[in-house]
Amino acid sequence: MGTCELCAREEVETTVHHLLPKEMGGTFGPTANLCIPCHKQIHALYTNAEIAARLTTIPELKDDPQLSRYLKWIRKQPSTKLMKIKKSNERKRKR
């Protein structure tokens, strides 16, 4: 259990998010500890190429319009709540 570096919720299970995706050369680069819903939300909204191009720091992630709306919502959710994350329609079309 820890604190999510993106939404700042405490006592949540965290996963390691590579700020530069591993497939784009970020295997040994900086990482962030994110709660599972935040981590899933990033990858549901954006491809690894999009993440590598413009979302490689916590401030960039927080400033992103789509993610900032999500963060405003998730901060109000209890850390024990499990939520379903769906890929955005835009992301589905990018396959």
PDB file of N, CA and C in Angstrom:
ATOM      1  N   MET A   1       0.842  -1.186   0.000  1.00  0.00           N
ATOM      2  CA  MET A   1       0.000   0.000   0.000  1.00  0.00           C
ATOM      3  C   MET A   1       0.883   1.243   0.000  1.00  0.00           C
ATOM      4  N   GLY A   2       0.410   2.234  -0.740  1.00  0.00           N
ATOM      5  CA  GLY A   2       1.179   3.465  -0.819  1.00  0.00           C
ATOM      6  C   GLY A   2       0.299   4.622  -1.258  1.00  0.00           C
ATOM      7  N   THR A   3       0.935   5.674  -1.720  1.00  0.00           N
ATOM      8  CA  THR A   3       0.241   6.860  -2.199  1.00  0.00           C
ATOM      9  C   THR A   3       0.467   6.990  -3.697  1.00  0.00           C
ATOM     10  N   CYS A   4      -0.591   7.248  -4.427  1.00  0.00           N
ATOM     11  CA  CYS A   4      -0.497   7.425  -5.875  1.00  0.00           C
ATOM     12  C   CYS A   4       0.135   8.786  -6.162  1.00  0.00           C
ATOM     13  N   GLU A   5       1.160   8.795  -7.004  1.00  0.00           N
ATOM     14  CA  GLU A   5       1.845  10.041  -7.337  1.00  0.00           C
ATOM     15  C   GLU A   5       1.021  10.927  -8.269  1.00  0.00           C
ATOM     16  N   LEU A   6      -0.031  10.368  -8.870  1.00  0.00           N
ATOM     17  CA  LEU A   6      -0.853  11.148  -9.791  1.00  0.00           C
ATOM     18  C   LEU A   6      -2.078  11.733  -9.093  1.00  0.00           C
ATOM     19  N   CYS A   7      -2.881  10.896  -8.448  1.00  0.00           N
ATOM     20  CA  CYS A   7      -4.111  11.395  -7.823  1.00  0.00           C
ATOM     21  C   CYS A   7      -3.927  11.732  -6.340  1.00  0.00           C
ATOM     22  N   ALA A   8      -2.815  11.310  -5.758  1.00  0.00           N
ATOM     23  CA  ALA A   8      -2.474  11.578  -4.355  1.00  0.00           C
ATOM     24  C   ALA A   8      -3.375  10.858  -3.351  1.00  0.00           C
ATOM     25  N   ARG A   9      -4.150   9.869  -3.822  1.00  0.00           N
ATOM     26  CA  ARG A   9      -4.923   9.087  -2.850  1.00  0.00           C
ATOM     27  C   ARG A   9      -3.950   8.229  -2.066  1.00  0.00           C
ATOM     28  N   GLU A  10      -4.246   8.052  -0.787  1.00  0.00           N
ATOM     29  CA  GLU A  10      -3.361   7.302   0.098  1.00  0.00           C
ATOM     30  C   GLU A  10      -3.907   5.916   0.374  1.00  0.00           C
ATOM     31  N   GLU A  11      -3.000   5.047   0.824  1.00  0.00           N
ATOM     32  CA  GLU A  11      -3.342   3.665   1.168  1.00  0.00           C
ATOM     33  C   GLU A  11      -4.013   2.936   0.014  1.00  0.00           C
ATOM     34  N   VAL A  12      -3.415   3.076  -1.176  1.00  0.00           N
ATOM     35  CA  VAL A  12      -3.898   2.376  -2.359  1.00  0.00           C
ATOM     36  C   VAL A  12      -2.799   1.431  -2.834  1.00  0.00           C
ATOM     37  N   GLU A  13      -3.205   0.370  -3.496  1.00  0.00           N
ATOM     38  CA  GLU A  13      -2.227  -0.527  -4.097  1.00  0.00           C
ATOM     39  C   GLU A  13      -1.639   0.192  -5.305  1.00  0.00           C
ATOM     40  N   THR A  14      -0.325   0.223  -5.403  1.00  0.00           N
ATOM     41  CA  THR A  14       0.309   0.949  -6.503  1.00  0.00           C
ATOM     42  C   THR A  14       1.044   0.006  -7.455  1.00  0.00           C
ATOM     43  N   THR A  15       1.206   0.484  -8.678  1.00  0.00           N
ATOM     44  CA  THR A  15       1.985  -0.229  -9.684  1.00  0.00           C
ATOM     45  C   THR A  15       3.029   0.747 -10.213  1.00  0.00           C
ATOM     46  N   VAL A  16       4.052   0.217 -10.845  1.00  0.00           N
ATOM     47  CA  VAL A  16       5.114   1.054 -11.398  1.00  0.00           C
ATOM     48  C   VAL A  16       4.741   1.445 -12.830  1.00  0.00           C
ATOM     49  N   HIS A  17       4.688   2.739 -13.077  1.00  0.00           N
ATOM     50  CA  HIS A  17       4.406   3.261 -14.418  1.00  0.00           C
ATOM     51  C   HIS A  17       5.697   3.845 -14.969  1.00  0.00           C
ATOM     52  N   HIS A  18       6.123   3.357 -16.128  1.00  0.00           N
ATOM     53  CA  HIS A  18       7.305   3.915 -16.792  1.00  0.00           C
ATOM     54  C   HIS A  18       6.871   5.200 -17.492  1.00  0.00           C
ATOM     55  N   LEU A  19       7.443   6.328 -17.076  1.00  0.00           N
ATOM     56  CA  LEU A  19       7.035   7.616 -17.629  1.00  0.00           C
ATOM     57  C   LEU A  19       7.308   7.686 -19.132  1.00  0.00           C
ATOM     58  N   LEU A  20       8.378   7.071 -19.578  1.00  0.00           N
ATOM     59  CA  LEU A  20       8.601   6.842 -21.003  1.00  0.00           C
ATOM     60  C   LEU A  20       8.358   5.353 -21.198  1.00  0.00           C
ATOM     61  N   PRO A  21       7.346   4.968 -21.997  1.00  0.00           N
ATOM     62  CA  PRO A  21       7.020   3.545 -22.130  1.00  0.00           C
ATOM     63  C   PRO A  21       8.241   2.687 -22.462  1.00  0.00           C
ATOM     64  N   LYS A  22       8.255   1.482 -21.895  1.00  0.00           N
ATOM     65  CA  LYS A  22       9.384   0.569 -22.098  1.00  0.00           C
ATOM     66  C   LYS A  22       9.648   0.328 -23.579  1.00  0.00           C
ATOM     67  N   GLU A  23       8.586   0.155 -24.354  1.00  0.00           N
ATOM     68  CA  GLU A  23       8.777  -0.125 -25.787  1.00  0.00           C
ATOM     69  C   GLU A  23       9.338   1.077 -26.549  1.00  0.00           C
ATOM     70  N   MET A  24       9.357   2.234 -25.915  1.00  0.00           N
ATOM     71  CA  MET A  24       9.908   3.447 -26.537  1.00  0.00           C
ATOM     72  C   MET A  24      11.276   3.790 -25.937  1.00  0.00           C
ATOM     73  N   GLY A  25      11.876   2.852 -25.231  1.00  0.00           N
ATOM     74  CA  GLY A  25      13.210   3.060 -24.680  1.00  0.00           C
ATOM     75  C   GLY A  25      13.250   3.444 -23.210  1.00  0.00           C
ATOM     76  N   GLY A  26      12.140   3.333 -22.514  1.00  0.00           N
ATOM     77  CA  GLY A  26      12.085   3.767 -21.127  1.00  0.00           C
ATOM     78  C   GLY A  26      12.301   2.698 -20.081  1.00  0.00           C
ATOM     79  N   THR A  27      12.819   1.545 -20.469  1.00  0.00           N
ATOM     80  CA  THR A  27      12.996   0.437 -19.527  1.00  0.00           C
ATOM     81  C   THR A  27      13.751   0.851 -18.271  1.00  0.00           C
ATOM     82  N   PHE A  28      14.811   1.627 -18.443  1.00  0.00           N
ATOM     83  CA  PHE A  28      15.626   2.015 -17.288  1.00  0.00           C
ATOM     84  C   PHE A  28      15.445   3.485 -16.941  1.00  0.00           C
ATOM     85  N   GLY A  29      14.393   4.094 -17.473  1.00  0.00           N
ATOM     86  CA  GLY A  29      14.130   5.509 -17.228  1.00  0.00           C
ATOM     87  C   GLY A  29      13.324   5.735 -15.961  1.00  0.00           C
ATOM     88  N   PRO A  30      12.911   6.977 -15.741  1.00  0.00           N
ATOM     89  CA  PRO A  30      12.148   7.311 -14.534  1.00  0.00           C
ATOM     90  C   PRO A  30      10.781   6.623 -14.506  1.00  0.00           C
ATOM     91  N   THR A  31      10.356   6.315 -13.288  1.00  0.00           N
ATOM     92  CA  THR A  31       9.055   5.670 -13.086  1.00  0.00           C
ATOM     93  C   THR A  31       8.266   6.448 -12.046  1.00  0.00           C
ATOM     94  N   ALA A  32       6.985   6.136 -11.953  1.00  0.00           N
ATOM     95  CA  ALA A  32       6.116   6.722 -10.929  1.00  0.00           C
ATOM     96  C   ALA A  32       5.271   5.613 -10.338  1.00  0.00           C
ATOM     97  N   ASN A  33       4.963   5.709  -9.051  1.00  0.00           N
ATOM     98  CA  ASN A  33       4.077   4.751  -8.404  1.00  0.00           C
ATOM     99  C   ASN A  33       2.649   5.283  -8.513  1.00  0.00           C
ATOM    100  N   LEU A  34       1.836   4.577  -9.287  1.00  0.00           N
ATOM    101  CA  LEU A  34       0.459   4.996  -9.521  1.00  0.00           C
ATOM    102  C   LEU A  34      -0.504   3.941  -9.009  1.00  0.00           C
ATOM    103  N   CYS A  35      -1.677   4.403  -8.544  1.00  0.00           N
ATOM    104  CA  CYS A  35      -2.704   3.431  -8.172  1.00  0.00           C
ATOM    105  C   CYS A  35      -3.162   2.746  -9.461  1.00  0.00           C
ATOM    106  N   ILE A  36      -3.715   1.591  -9.325  1.00  0.00           N
ATOM    107  CA  ILE A  36      -4.107   0.800 -10.487  1.00  0.00           C
ATOM    108  C   ILE A  36      -5.106   1.545 -11.378  1.00  0.00           C
ATOM    109  N   PRO A  37      -6.151   2.196 -10.822  1.00  0.00           N
ATOM    110  CA  PRO A  37      -7.082   2.915 -11.700  1.00  0.00           C
ATOM    111  C   PRO A  37      -6.404   4.034 -12.510  1.00  0.00           C
ATOM    112  N   CYS A  38      -5.510   4.802 -11.893  1.00  0.00           N
ATOM    113  CA  CYS A  38      -4.826   5.870 -12.632  1.00  0.00           C
ATOM    114  C   CYS A  38      -3.947   5.287 -13.735  1.00  0.00           C
ATOM    115  N   HIS A  39      -3.224   4.224 -13.423  1.00  0.00           N
ATOM    116  CA  HIS A  39      -2.346   3.590 -14.399  1.00  0.00           C
ATOM    117  C   HIS A  39      -3.172   3.089 -15.584  1.00  0.00           C
ATOM    118  N   LYS A  40      -4.268   2.419 -15.275  1.00  0.00           N
ATOM    119  CA  LYS A  40      -5.121   1.901 -16.349  1.00  0.00           C
ATOM    120  C   LYS A  40      -5.734   3.024 -17.172  1.00  0.00           C
ATOM    121  N   GLN A  41      -6.105   4.115 -16.512  1.00  0.00           N
ATOM    122  CA  GLN A  41      -6.736   5.235 -17.214  1.00  0.00           C
ATOM    123  C   GLN A  41      -5.778   5.846 -18.233  1.00  0.00           C
ATOM    124  N   ILE A  42      -4.529   6.009 -17.873  1.00  0.00           N
ATOM    125  CA  ILE A  42      -3.536   6.566 -18.802  1.00  0.00           C
ATOM    126  C   ILE A  42      -3.470   5.708 -20.057  1.00  0.00           C
ATOM    127  N   HIS A  43      -3.361   4.391 -19.860  1.00  0.00           N
ATOM    128  CA  HIS A  43      -3.216   3.493 -21.010  1.00  0.00           C
ATOM    129  C   HIS A  43      -4.529   3.283 -21.764  1.00  0.00           C
ATOM    130  N   ALA A  44      -5.647   3.564 -21.120  1.00  0.00           N
ATOM    131  CA  ALA A  44      -6.938   3.484 -21.818  1.00  0.00           C
ATOM    132  C   ALA A  44      -7.137   4.703 -22.720  1.00  0.00           C
ATOM    133  N   LEU A  45      -6.587   5.831 -22.319  1.00  0.00           N
ATOM    134  CA  LEU A  45      -6.760   7.060 -23.096  1.00  0.00           C
ATOM    135  C   LEU A  45      -5.735   7.223 -24.205  1.00  0.00           C
ATOM    136  N   TYR A  46      -4.512   6.757 -23.975  1.00  0.00           N
ATOM    137  CA  TYR A  46      -3.419   7.081 -24.890  1.00  0.00           C
ATOM    138  C   TYR A  46      -2.590   5.872 -25.295  1.00  0.00           C
ATOM    139  N   THR A  47      -2.093   5.918 -26.520  1.00  0.00           N
ATOM    140  CA  THR A  47      -1.171   4.883 -26.989  1.00  0.00           C
ATOM    141  C   THR A  47       0.199   5.170 -26.380  1.00  0.00           C
ATOM    142  N   ASN A  48       1.080   4.186 -26.418  1.00  0.00           N
ATOM    143  CA  ASN A  48       2.430   4.400 -25.901  1.00  0.00           C
ATOM    144  C   ASN A  48       3.141   5.496 -26.688  1.00  0.00           C
ATOM    145  N   ALA A  49       2.863   5.597 -27.980  1.00  0.00           N
ATOM    146  CA  ALA A  49       3.484   6.653 -28.796  1.00  0.00           C
ATOM    147  C   ALA A  49       3.037   8.034 -28.316  1.00  0.00           C
ATOM    148  N   GLU A  50       1.749   8.178 -27.995  1.00  0.00           N
ATOM    149  CA  GLU A  50       1.239   9.464 -27.494  1.00  0.00           C
ATOM    150  C   GLU A  50       1.848   9.796 -26.131  1.00  0.00           C
ATOM    151  N   ILE A  51       1.946   8.781 -25.278  1.00  0.00           N
ATOM    152  CA  ILE A  51       2.540   8.985 -23.952  1.00  0.00           C
ATOM    153  C   ILE A  51       3.991   9.438 -24.120  1.00  0.00           C
ATOM    154  N   ALA A  52       4.745   8.759 -24.982  1.00  0.00           N
ATOM    155  CA  ALA A  52       6.158   9.087 -25.193  1.00  0.00           C
ATOM    156  C   ALA A  52       6.329  10.488 -25.772  1.00  0.00           C
ATOM    157  N   ALA A  53       5.390  10.925 -26.592  1.00  0.00           N
ATOM    158  CA  ALA A  53       5.510  12.221 -27.263  1.00  0.00           C
ATOM    159  C   ALA A  53       5.231  13.402 -26.334  1.00  0.00           C
ATOM    160  N   ARG A  54       4.294  13.229 -25.367  1.00  0.00           N
ATOM    161  CA  ARG A  54       3.919  14.426 -24.611  1.00  0.00           C
ATOM    162  C   ARG A  54       3.517  14.221 -23.153  1.00  0.00           C
ATOM    163  N   LEU A  55       3.585  13.001 -22.649  1.00  0.00           N
ATOM    164  CA  LEU A  55       3.134  12.753 -21.275  1.00  0.00           C
ATOM    165  C   LEU A  55       4.177  11.967 -20.477  1.00  0.00           C
ATOM    166  N   THR A  56       5.394  12.485 -20.406  1.00  0.00           N
ATOM    167  CA  THR A  56       6.485  11.726 -19.780  1.00  0.00           C
ATOM    168  C   THR A  56       6.865  12.214 -18.384  1.00  0.00           C
ATOM    169  N   THR A  57       6.066  13.123 -17.822  1.00  0.00           N
ATOM    170  CA  THR A  57       6.305  13.562 -16.445  1.00  0.00           C
ATOM    171  C   THR A  57       4.967  13.615 -15.709  1.00  0.00           C
ATOM    172  N   ILE A  58       5.015  13.584 -14.401  1.00  0.00           N
ATOM    173  CA  ILE A  58       3.791  13.693 -13.596  1.00  0.00           C
ATOM    174  C   ILE A  58       3.092  15.034 -13.871  1.00  0.00           C
ATOM    175  N   PRO A  59       3.813  16.182 -13.911  1.00  0.00           N
ATOM    176  CA  PRO A  59       3.122  17.444 -14.221  1.00  0.00           C
ATOM    177  C   PRO A  59       2.432  17.433 -15.589  1.00  0.00           C
ATOM    178  N   GLU A  60       3.066  16.835 -16.599  1.00  0.00           N
ATOM    179  CA  GLU A  60       2.428  16.752 -17.926  1.00  0.00           C
ATOM    180  C   GLU A  60       1.157  15.904 -17.861  1.00  0.00           C
ATOM    181  N   LEU A  61       1.206  14.807 -17.106  1.00  0.00           N
ATOM    182  CA  LEU A  61       0.021  13.965 -16.957  1.00  0.00           C
ATOM    183  C   LEU A  61      -1.093  14.732 -16.236  1.00  0.00           C
ATOM    184  N   LYS A  62      -0.741  15.444 -15.172  1.00  0.00           N
ATOM    185  CA  LYS A  62      -1.741  16.193 -14.404  1.00  0.00           C
ATOM    186  C   LYS A  62      -2.352  17.329 -15.217  1.00  0.00           C
ATOM    187  N   ASP A  63      -1.579  17.916 -16.117  1.00  0.00           N
ATOM    188  CA  ASP A  63      -2.062  19.043 -16.923  1.00  0.00           C
ATOM    189  C   ASP A  63      -2.858  18.630 -18.149  1.00  0.00           C
ATOM    190  N   ASP A  64      -2.814  17.353 -18.504  1.00  0.00           N
ATOM    191  CA  ASP A  64      -3.553  16.887 -19.673  1.00  0.00           C
ATOM    192  C   ASP A  64      -5.053  17.069 -19.434  1.00  0.00           C
ATOM    193  N   PRO A  65      -5.776  17.679 -20.380  1.00  0.00           N
ATOM    194  CA  PRO A  65      -7.208  17.963 -20.167  1.00  0.00           C
ATOM    195  C   PRO A  65      -8.053  16.731 -19.828  1.00  0.00           C
ATOM    196  N   GLN A  66      -7.865  15.639 -20.553  1.00  0.00           N
ATOM    197  CA  GLN A  66      -8.679  14.444 -20.276  1.00  0.00           C
ATOM    198  C   GLN A  66      -8.323  13.839 -18.925  1.00  0.00           C
ATOM    199  N   LEU A  67      -7.037  13.754 -18.628  1.00  0.00           N
ATOM    200  CA  LEU A  67      -6.631  13.175 -17.354  1.00  0.00           C
ATOM    201  C   LEU A  67      -6.991  14.071 -16.181  1.00  0.00           C
ATOM    202  N   SER A  68      -6.935  15.385 -16.356  1.00  0.00           N
ATOM    203  CA  SER A  68      -7.255  16.271 -15.229  1.00  0.00           C
ATOM    204  C   SER A  68      -8.722  16.128 -14.825  1.00  0.00           C
ATOM    205  N   ARG A  69      -9.611  15.924 -15.798  1.00  0.00           N
ATOM    206  CA  ARG A  69     -11.031  15.675 -15.459  1.00  0.00           C
ATOM    207  C   ARG A  69     -11.164  14.372 -14.676  1.00  0.00           C
ATOM    208  N   TYR A  70     -10.459  13.355 -15.128  1.00  0.00           N
ATOM    209  CA  TYR A  70     -10.482  12.062 -14.440  1.00  0.00           C
ATOM    210  C   TYR A  70      -9.924  12.208 -13.018  1.00  0.00           C
ATOM    211  N   LEU A  71      -8.812  12.936 -12.875  1.00  0.00           N
ATOM    212  CA  LEU A  71      -8.184  13.104 -11.555  1.00  0.00           C
ATOM    213  C   LEU A  71      -9.112  13.826 -10.588  1.00  0.00           C
ATOM    214  N   LYS A  72      -9.828  14.812 -11.084  1.00  0.00           N
ATOM    215  CA  LYS A  72     -10.786  15.539 -10.239  1.00  0.00           C
ATOM    216  C   LYS A  72     -11.828  14.566  -9.680  1.00  0.00           C
ATOM    217  N   TRP A  73     -12.255  13.618 -10.513  1.00  0.00           N
ATOM    218  CA  TRP A  73     -13.248  12.625 -10.097  1.00  0.00           C
ATOM    219  C   TRP A  73     -12.642  11.576  -9.163  1.00  0.00           C
ATOM    220  N   ILE A  74     -11.500  11.014  -9.543  1.00  0.00           N
ATOM    221  CA  ILE A  74     -10.933   9.887  -8.777  1.00  0.00           C
ATOM    222  C   ILE A  74     -10.522  10.312  -7.370  1.00  0.00           C
ATOM    223  N   ARG A  75     -10.113  11.548  -7.188  1.00  0.00           N
ATOM    224  CA  ARG A  75      -9.700  12.004  -5.855  1.00  0.00           C
ATOM    225  C   ARG A  75     -10.844  11.925  -4.847  1.00  0.00           C
ATOM    226  N   LYS A  76     -12.076  11.946  -5.329  1.00  0.00           N
ATOM    227  CA  LYS A  76     -13.243  11.879  -4.442  1.00  0.00           C
ATOM    228  C   LYS A  76     -13.636  10.443  -4.113  1.00  0.00           C
ATOM    229  N   GLN A  77     -13.011   9.476  -4.795  1.00  0.00           N
ATOM    230  CA  GLN A  77     -13.385   8.076  -4.611  1.00  0.00           C
ATOM    231  C   GLN A  77     -12.591   7.458  -3.459  1.00  0.00           C
ATOM    232  N   PRO A  78     -13.231   6.592  -2.673  1.00  0.00           N
ATOM    233  CA  PRO A  78     -12.496   5.931  -1.588  1.00  0.00           C
ATOM    234  C   PRO A  78     -11.418   5.011  -2.161  1.00  0.00           C
ATOM    235  N   SER A  79     -10.324   4.884  -1.443  1.00  0.00           N
ATOM    236  CA  SER A  79      -9.212   4.072  -1.938  1.00  0.00           C
ATOM    237  C   SER A  79      -9.569   2.594  -2.042  1.00  0.00           C
ATOM    238  N   THR A  80     -10.626   2.190  -1.377  1.00  0.00           N
ATOM    239  CA  THR A  80     -11.022   0.786  -1.403  1.00  0.00           C
ATOM    240  C   THR A  80     -11.920   0.461  -2.603  1.00  0.00           C
ATOM    241  N   LYS A  81     -12.434   1.482  -3.269  1.00  0.00           N
ATOM    242  CA  LYS A  81     -13.363   1.259  -4.386  1.00  0.00           C
ATOM    243  C   LYS A  81     -12.624   0.762  -5.626  1.00  0.00           C
ATOM    244  N   LEU A  82     -13.138  -0.304  -6.207  1.00  0.00           N
ATOM    245  CA  LEU A  82     -12.596  -0.813  -7.461  1.00  0.00           C
ATOM    246  C   LEU A  82     -13.442  -0.248  -8.592  1.00  0.00           C
ATOM    247  N   MET A  83     -12.782   0.311  -9.603  1.00  0.00           N
ATOM    248  CA  MET A  83     -13.559   0.851 -10.713  1.00  0.00           C
ATOM    249  C   MET A  83     -13.144   0.206 -12.013  1.00  0.00           C
ATOM    250  N   LYS A  84     -14.097   0.211 -12.948  1.00  0.00           N
ATOM    251  CA  LYS A  84     -13.842  -0.343 -14.265  1.00  0.00           C
ATOM    252  C   LYS A  84     -13.337   0.775 -15.161  1.00  0.00           C
ATOM    253  N   ILE A  85     -12.261   0.511 -15.869  1.00  0.00           N
ATOM    254  CA  ILE A  85     -11.705   1.495 -16.783  1.00  0.00           C
ATOM    255  C   ILE A  85     -11.899   0.965 -18.196  1.00  0.00           C
ATOM    256  N   LYS A  86     -12.496   1.785 -19.044  1.00  0.00           N
ATOM    257  CA  LYS A  86     -12.717   1.378 -20.433  1.00  0.00           C
ATOM    258  C   LYS A  86     -11.871   2.238 -21.348  1.00  0.00           C
ATOM    259  N   LYS A  87     -11.409   1.629 -22.440  1.00  0.00           N
ATOM    260  CA  LYS A  87     -10.655   2.402 -23.421  1.00  0.00           C
ATOM    261  C   LYS A  87     -11.566   3.450 -24.022  1.00  0.00           C
ATOM    262  N   SER A  88     -11.011   4.628 -24.262  1.00  0.00           N
ATOM    263  CA  SER A  88     -11.803   5.676 -24.902  1.00  0.00           C
ATOM    264  C   SER A  88     -12.099   5.267 -26.336  1.00  0.00           C
ATOM    265  N   ASN A  89     -13.165   5.793 -26.892  1.00  0.00           N
ATOM    266  CA  ASN A  89     -13.510   5.485 -28.274  1.00  0.00           C
ATOM    267  C   ASN A  89     -12.399   5.911 -29.225  1.00  0.00           C
ATOM    268  N   GLU A  90     -11.757   7.043 -28.922  1.00  0.00           N
ATOM    269  CA  GLU A  90     -10.642   7.507 -29.745  1.00  0.00           C
ATOM    270  C   GLU A  90      -9.511   6.485 -29.722  1.00  0.00           C
ATOM    271  N   ARG A  91      -9.209   5.991 -28.545  1.00  0.00           N
ATOM    272  CA  ARG A  91      -8.105   5.027 -28.381  1.00  0.00           C
ATOM    273  C   ARG A  91      -8.432   3.728 -29.102  1.00  0.00           C
ATOM    274  N   LYS A  92      -9.691   3.308 -29.071  1.00  0.00           N
ATOM    275  CA  LYS A  92     -10.103   2.079 -29.762  1.00  0.00           C
ATOM    276  C   LYS A  92      -9.861   2.194 -31.266  1.00  0.00           C
ATOM    277  N   ARG A  93     -10.112   3.373 -31.826  1.00  0.00           N
ATOM    278  CA  ARG A  93      -9.943   3.576 -33.267  1.00  0.00           C
ATOM    279  C   ARG A  93      -8.483   3.612 -33.681  1.00  0.00           C
ATOM    280  N   LYS A  94      -7.568   3.817 -32.755  1.00  0.00           N
ATOM    281  CA  LYS A  94      -6.152   3.953 -33.080  1.00  0.00           C
ATOM    282  C   LYS A  94      -5.441   2.608 -33.228  1.00  0.00           C
ATOM    283  N   ARG A  95      -6.127   1.533 -33.040  1.00  0.00           N
ATOM    284  CA  ARG A  95      -5.500   0.207 -33.128  1.00  0.00           C
ATOM    285  C   ARG A  95      -4.984  -0.077 -34.504  1.00  0.00           C
TER     286      ARG A  95
END
